[in-house]
Protein backbone atom coordinates (compact mmCIF):
# COMPACT_ATOMS: atom_id res chain seq x y z
CA MET A 1 213.49 90.44 267.91
CA LYS A 2 213.91 87.70 265.31
CA THR A 3 212.38 88.10 261.87
CA GLU A 4 211.68 84.35 261.89
CA ASP A 5 209.41 84.77 264.92
CA ILE A 6 207.43 87.52 263.18
CA GLU A 7 207.04 85.27 260.13
CA LEU A 8 205.92 82.46 262.43
CA PHE A 9 203.35 84.79 264.00
CA HIS A 10 201.94 85.47 260.51
CA ARG A 11 201.73 81.77 259.81
CA VAL A 12 199.69 81.14 262.96
CA VAL A 13 197.33 84.02 262.12
CA ASP A 14 196.81 82.77 258.56
CA ALA A 15 196.26 79.18 259.72
CA GLY A 16 193.73 80.23 262.37
CA SER A 17 195.17 78.21 265.26
CA LEU A 18 198.38 76.80 266.70
CA ILE A 19 197.25 73.24 266.01
CA ARG A 20 196.46 74.00 262.36
CA ALA A 21 199.76 75.87 261.90
CA ALA A 22 201.67 72.97 263.47
CA GLU A 23 199.98 70.55 261.05
CA ILE A 24 200.64 72.70 257.99
CA PHE A 25 204.30 73.41 258.73
CA ASP A 26 205.12 70.11 260.43
CA LEU A 27 206.35 71.77 263.62
CA PRO A 28 205.72 70.78 267.25
CA LYS A 29 202.80 72.72 268.74
CA SER A 30 204.80 73.30 271.92
CA ASN A 31 207.58 74.92 269.90
CA LEU A 32 205.14 77.27 268.17
CA SER A 33 203.46 78.19 271.44
CA ARG A 34 206.78 78.91 273.14
CA ARG A 35 208.01 81.17 270.35
CA ILE A 36 204.75 83.11 270.12
CA LYS A 37 204.77 83.59 273.89
CA ALA A 38 208.37 84.82 273.74
CA LEU A 39 207.41 87.31 271.01
CA GLU A 40 204.58 88.65 273.17
CA GLU A 41 206.92 89.04 276.13
CA GLU A 42 209.49 90.85 274.00
CA LEU A 43 206.83 93.21 272.64
CA ASN A 44 205.19 93.47 276.07
CA ILE A 45 201.75 93.09 274.45
CA GLN A 46 199.22 90.29 274.12
CA LEU A 47 198.85 89.27 270.49
CA PHE A 48 196.20 86.57 270.89
CA GLN A 49 193.10 85.87 272.95
CA ARG A 50 193.50 82.17 273.67
CA ASN A 51 190.76 79.58 274.09
CA ASN A 52 190.49 75.82 273.62
CA ARG A 53 189.44 75.92 269.99
CA ALA A 54 191.20 78.87 268.38
CA MET A 55 193.45 81.86 268.85
CA GLN A 56 191.87 85.22 268.06
CA LEU A 57 193.94 88.32 267.51
CA THR A 58 193.70 91.11 270.03
CA GLU A 59 193.38 94.68 268.80
CA ALA A 60 197.12 95.10 269.28
CA GLY A 61 197.72 91.80 267.48
CA GLU A 62 195.69 92.94 264.47
CA LYS A 63 197.69 96.16 264.22
CA PHE A 64 200.98 94.27 264.56
CA TYR A 65 199.91 91.81 261.86
CA GLU A 66 198.94 94.50 259.37
CA ARG A 67 202.02 96.69 259.97
CA THR A 68 204.50 93.82 259.78
CA LYS A 69 203.11 92.57 256.47
CA THR A 70 204.74 95.50 254.73
CA ILE A 71 207.88 95.24 256.84
CA LEU A 72 208.48 91.59 255.94
CA SER A 73 207.86 92.24 252.25
CA ASP A 74 210.15 95.28 252.19
CA LEU A 75 212.85 93.40 254.09
CA GLU A 76 212.94 90.57 251.59
CA GLN A 77 213.03 93.00 248.66
CA SER A 78 215.84 94.99 250.30
CA ILE A 79 217.91 91.85 250.89
CA GLN A 80 217.45 90.87 247.27
CA GLU A 81 218.50 94.30 245.95
CA ILE A 82 221.55 94.52 248.21
CA THR A 83 222.84 91.01 247.59
CA ALA A 84 221.96 90.71 243.87
CA PRO A 85 223.17 88.95 241.80
CA ARG A 86 224.35 86.67 244.61
CA TYR A 87 220.87 86.48 246.12
CA GLU A 88 219.43 82.99 245.88
CA ILE A 89 215.70 82.48 246.05
CA SER A 90 214.78 80.23 248.95
CA GLY A 91 211.82 79.30 251.08
CA HIS A 92 208.89 76.92 251.08
CA LEU A 93 206.06 76.89 248.55
CA ARG A 94 202.65 75.29 249.07
CA VAL A 95 200.89 74.69 245.76
CA GLN A 96 197.40 73.25 245.35
CA LEU A 97 196.64 71.41 242.12
CA LEU A 98 193.43 69.87 240.82
CA PRO A 99 193.28 66.30 239.46
CA LEU A 100 193.27 67.37 235.81
CA PRO A 101 194.32 65.21 232.86
CA ASN A 102 197.51 67.25 232.31
CA ILE A 103 198.64 67.06 235.94
CA VAL A 104 201.81 65.11 235.15
CA GLU A 105 203.00 67.83 232.76
CA ILE A 106 202.32 70.51 235.37
CA GLY A 107 204.29 68.43 237.86
CA ARG A 108 207.24 68.36 235.46
CA MET A 109 207.17 72.15 235.32
CA ILE A 110 207.35 72.31 239.11
CA PHE A 111 210.31 69.91 239.12
CA LYS A 112 212.07 72.12 236.55
CA PHE A 113 211.50 75.15 238.78
CA MET A 114 213.05 73.29 241.71
CA ASP A 115 216.10 72.44 239.60
CA LEU A 116 216.53 76.12 238.77
CA TYR A 117 216.11 77.18 242.41
CA PRO A 118 217.50 74.34 244.55
CA LYS A 119 217.03 76.24 247.83
CA VAL A 120 213.24 76.27 247.38
CA SER A 121 211.24 73.40 248.87
CA VAL A 122 207.81 72.66 247.42
CA GLU A 123 204.76 70.97 248.89
CA VAL A 124 202.14 69.95 246.33
CA LEU A 125 198.59 69.41 247.60
CA MET A 126 196.34 67.46 245.26
CA SER A 127 192.66 68.02 245.93
CA SER A 128 189.41 68.32 244.02
CA GLU A 129 188.14 70.72 246.70
CA GLU A 130 188.97 74.42 246.61
CA SER A 131 190.68 75.22 249.91
CA ASN A 132 190.88 78.64 251.53
CA LEU A 133 194.32 79.81 250.44
CA VAL A 134 195.02 82.09 253.42
CA GLU A 135 193.81 79.71 256.13
CA ASN A 136 195.76 76.82 254.64
CA HIS A 137 198.80 78.96 253.82
CA ILE A 138 198.62 77.99 250.15
CA ASP A 139 200.78 80.26 248.03
CA VAL A 140 199.47 79.38 244.57
CA ALA A 141 196.56 77.25 243.37
CA LEU A 142 195.06 76.03 240.13
CA ARG A 143 191.37 76.73 239.54
CA VAL A 144 189.04 75.79 236.68
CA GLY A 145 185.77 77.19 235.36
CA ASP A 146 184.52 80.14 233.35
CA LYS A 147 184.69 82.43 236.41
CA LEU A 148 186.01 82.53 239.95
CA GLU A 149 183.65 82.84 242.90
CA ASP A 150 186.21 84.32 245.31
CA SER A 151 186.77 87.96 244.30
CA ASN A 152 189.53 88.30 246.92
CA LEU A 153 191.89 86.17 244.84
CA ILE A 154 194.20 87.43 242.14
CA ALA A 155 193.64 85.26 239.06
CA ARG A 156 195.90 84.85 236.02
CA PRO A 157 194.28 83.06 233.06
CA LEU A 158 196.23 80.07 231.77
CA THR A 159 194.34 79.22 228.59
CA SER A 160 190.92 78.69 227.07
CA SER A 161 189.74 75.92 224.81
CA SER A 162 186.92 75.12 222.41
CA PHE A 163 184.45 72.58 223.75
CA GLY A 164 181.95 70.36 221.98
CA TYR A 165 179.18 67.81 222.55
CA TYR A 166 179.98 64.14 221.95
CA ALA A 167 178.42 60.68 222.18
CA THR A 168 179.31 57.17 221.05
CA PRO A 169 177.90 55.64 217.86
CA GLU A 170 176.18 53.02 220.05
CA TYR A 171 174.45 55.71 222.14
CA ILE A 172 173.29 57.46 218.95
CA ALA A 173 172.01 54.20 217.45
CA LYS A 174 169.92 53.58 220.56
CA HIS A 175 168.72 57.10 221.41
CA GLY A 176 169.05 59.02 218.16
CA LYS A 177 171.37 61.84 217.10
CA PRO A 178 170.27 65.30 218.28
CA THR A 179 170.76 67.95 215.61
CA THR A 180 169.54 71.09 217.43
CA PRO A 181 170.05 72.54 220.93
CA GLU A 182 166.39 71.90 221.66
CA GLU A 183 166.75 68.21 220.84
CA ILE A 184 169.97 67.75 222.79
CA LYS A 185 168.29 69.00 225.98
CA THR A 186 166.11 65.87 226.04
CA HIS A 187 169.14 63.51 226.20
CA ASN A 188 171.02 62.07 229.15
CA PHE A 189 174.15 64.09 229.99
CA ILE A 190 177.13 62.96 232.03
CA ARG A 191 177.75 66.13 233.99
CA TYR A 192 180.87 67.53 235.67
CA ARG A 193 180.97 68.86 239.23
CA PHE A 194 183.49 71.67 239.70
CA PRO A 195 185.75 71.74 242.77
CA ASN A 196 183.63 74.58 244.20
CA GLY A 197 180.63 72.23 244.26
CA GLN A 198 178.84 73.67 241.24
CA ILE A 199 177.47 71.19 238.71
CA LEU A 200 177.81 72.07 235.04
CA ASN A 201 174.11 72.19 234.21
CA ASP A 202 174.01 75.18 231.83
CA LEU A 203 176.20 74.57 228.80
CA PRO A 204 177.29 77.41 226.52
CA LEU A 205 176.68 77.78 222.81
CA GLU A 206 178.37 80.51 220.80
CA GLY A 207 175.90 83.24 219.90
CA ARG A 208 173.03 81.61 221.78
CA GLU A 209 171.66 81.32 225.29
CA PRO A 210 173.12 78.42 227.34
CA ILE A 211 171.18 75.17 227.24
CA SER A 212 170.05 73.49 230.47
CA VAL A 213 170.79 69.78 230.60
CA SER A 214 170.22 66.93 233.04
CA GLY A 215 171.32 63.35 233.54
CA ASN A 216 171.62 60.46 235.97
CA LEU A 217 175.40 60.62 236.46
CA VAL A 218 177.55 63.41 237.96
CA MET A 219 181.31 63.11 238.53
CA ASN A 220 184.30 65.34 239.24
CA SER A 221 186.80 63.17 237.34
CA VAL A 222 187.42 63.77 233.63
CA PRO A 223 188.84 60.27 233.02
CA LEU A 224 185.78 58.68 234.65
CA ILE A 225 183.44 60.90 232.64
CA MET A 226 185.19 59.78 229.47
CA GLU A 227 184.93 56.13 230.51
CA ALA A 228 181.20 56.50 231.25
CA CYS A 229 180.67 58.09 227.85
CA LEU A 230 182.59 55.30 226.10
CA GLN A 231 180.28 52.86 227.88
CA ASN A 232 177.35 54.55 226.10
CA ARG A 233 175.92 56.12 229.25
CA GLY A 234 175.28 59.60 227.87
CA ILE A 235 176.47 62.74 226.12
CA VAL A 236 179.55 64.63 227.31
CA PHE A 237 180.67 68.24 226.99
CA ILE A 238 184.47 68.17 226.70
CA PRO A 239 187.36 70.01 225.00
CA GLU A 240 187.64 69.29 221.30
CA PHE A 241 191.27 68.23 221.56
CA LEU A 242 190.28 65.71 224.22
CA ALA A 243 187.74 64.15 221.87
CA ASP A 244 189.84 64.20 218.68
CA PHE A 245 191.70 60.99 219.55
CA TYR A 246 188.44 59.06 220.04
CA ILE A 247 186.90 60.53 216.89
CA GLU A 248 189.87 59.28 214.87
CA LYS A 249 189.22 55.81 216.32
CA GLU A 250 185.48 56.17 215.48
CA MET A 251 184.71 55.78 219.19
CA LEU A 252 182.98 59.20 219.47
CA VAL A 253 180.78 61.34 217.23
CA LYS A 254 180.59 65.12 217.48
CA LEU A 255 177.09 66.56 217.88
CA LEU A 256 175.89 70.03 216.81
CA GLU A 257 178.84 70.34 214.42
CA ASN A 258 178.03 73.96 213.52
CA GLN A 259 178.22 75.16 217.13
CA ASP A 260 181.54 76.17 218.72
CA PRO A 261 181.14 76.73 222.47
CA VAL A 262 184.12 78.13 224.39
CA MET A 263 184.79 78.33 228.12
CA ARG A 264 187.73 79.18 230.35
CA LEU A 265 189.83 76.16 231.23
CA GLY A 266 192.29 77.20 233.89
CA TRP A 267 193.47 79.96 236.23
CA LEU A 268 196.53 80.43 238.40
CA VAL A 269 195.34 82.12 241.60
CA TYR A 270 197.01 83.56 244.70
CA PRO A 271 195.82 85.58 247.71
CA SER A 272 197.46 88.98 247.25
CA ARG A 273 199.50 90.86 244.70
CA LYS A 274 200.92 93.39 247.19
CA TYR A 275 202.49 91.06 249.74
CA LEU A 276 203.79 88.27 247.53
CA SER A 277 207.24 87.02 248.45
CA LEU A 278 209.95 86.99 245.82
CA THR A 279 209.80 83.19 245.77
CA VAL A 280 206.07 83.15 245.01
CA ARG A 281 206.37 85.89 242.38
CA THR A 282 209.20 84.01 240.68
CA PHE A 283 207.20 80.75 240.71
CA ILE A 284 204.11 82.40 239.22
CA ASP A 285 206.11 84.06 236.43
CA PHE A 286 207.92 80.79 235.73
CA MET A 287 204.71 78.74 235.47
CA LEU A 288 203.01 81.27 233.20
CA THR A 289 206.06 81.39 230.93
CA GLU A 290 206.29 77.60 230.73
CA LEU A 291 202.60 77.25 229.94
CA GLU A 292 202.89 79.81 227.15
CA LYS A 293 205.69 77.78 225.55
CA MET A 294 203.54 74.68 225.27
CA PRO A 295 199.77 75.11 224.77
CA MET A 296 197.77 73.21 227.35
CA CYS A 297 195.90 71.35 224.63
CA GLU A 298 199.15 69.62 223.62
CA HIS A 299 199.74 68.57 227.23
CA LEU A 300 196.26 67.18 227.55
CA GLU A 301 196.29 65.38 224.22
CA ALA A 302 199.44 63.49 225.17
CA ASP A 303 197.96 62.48 228.53
CA VAL A 304 194.66 61.40 226.99
CA ARG A 305 196.46 59.19 224.48
CA GLY A 306 198.29 57.62 227.37
CA MET A 307 195.02 56.91 229.21
CA ALA A 308 193.46 55.38 226.14
CA VAL A 309 196.21 52.82 225.52
């Protein structure tokens, strides 16, 4: 029995169907079907109940899937221990990133990881939608927000940042400058939609209850939100370091100067701590170490300056 066929079986289960697995791993569907069938014949059990739309695990298939999770993980760890220090990390990583302002810097970190581990191939998926990590066989993903909705994910915080409320001098001249949370609620806000679909309607204030805001423009792109604000279309709630460049140019004015709201900016998430491969564990540790060396605010400030040129 080949270990590769057991790994392939896991990939089909995680993807939910042969067609989906073939798309994700760029393999012919006929090849996947043949190898799964051969595995069933070798085991002399039926692993899947097949129909036109999906492949559901049989009771025996579920048991085989759960038992072989540990086996595959232990096998990789044993190979590493026996062959160290000659063991070279290899395999394929699927990483989902969000279209954030510092995405180029994060990409450079991934390239550096690939230079350190040349036998690892990486597939980067850029999406503003939060995909199911298991079904799409995504090893690591970037998430944003003050909390994560999916409690089944392991989340490692990347950084947090102070946020503030800003508007252009032209907007203030036309609509007035709010000086209290009560006044700011009556203004037009350019609001952000998170990848999970949630709109940022309740904005935090340190030591106070969140304020509920509204507006006629919602977007999931930080650069577009900034552009809309600079066109005097409303107030924005953005990181202070993102606004500093525009304040220096007298293009933005900070509102509620005495308030200092803070929210979580980023998380590195993955499906399971127990069954992580050595390649995934190494990648996670590498990314966290690299991010600690250079605060995310410095990354973002450089990118924002580039966008503003």
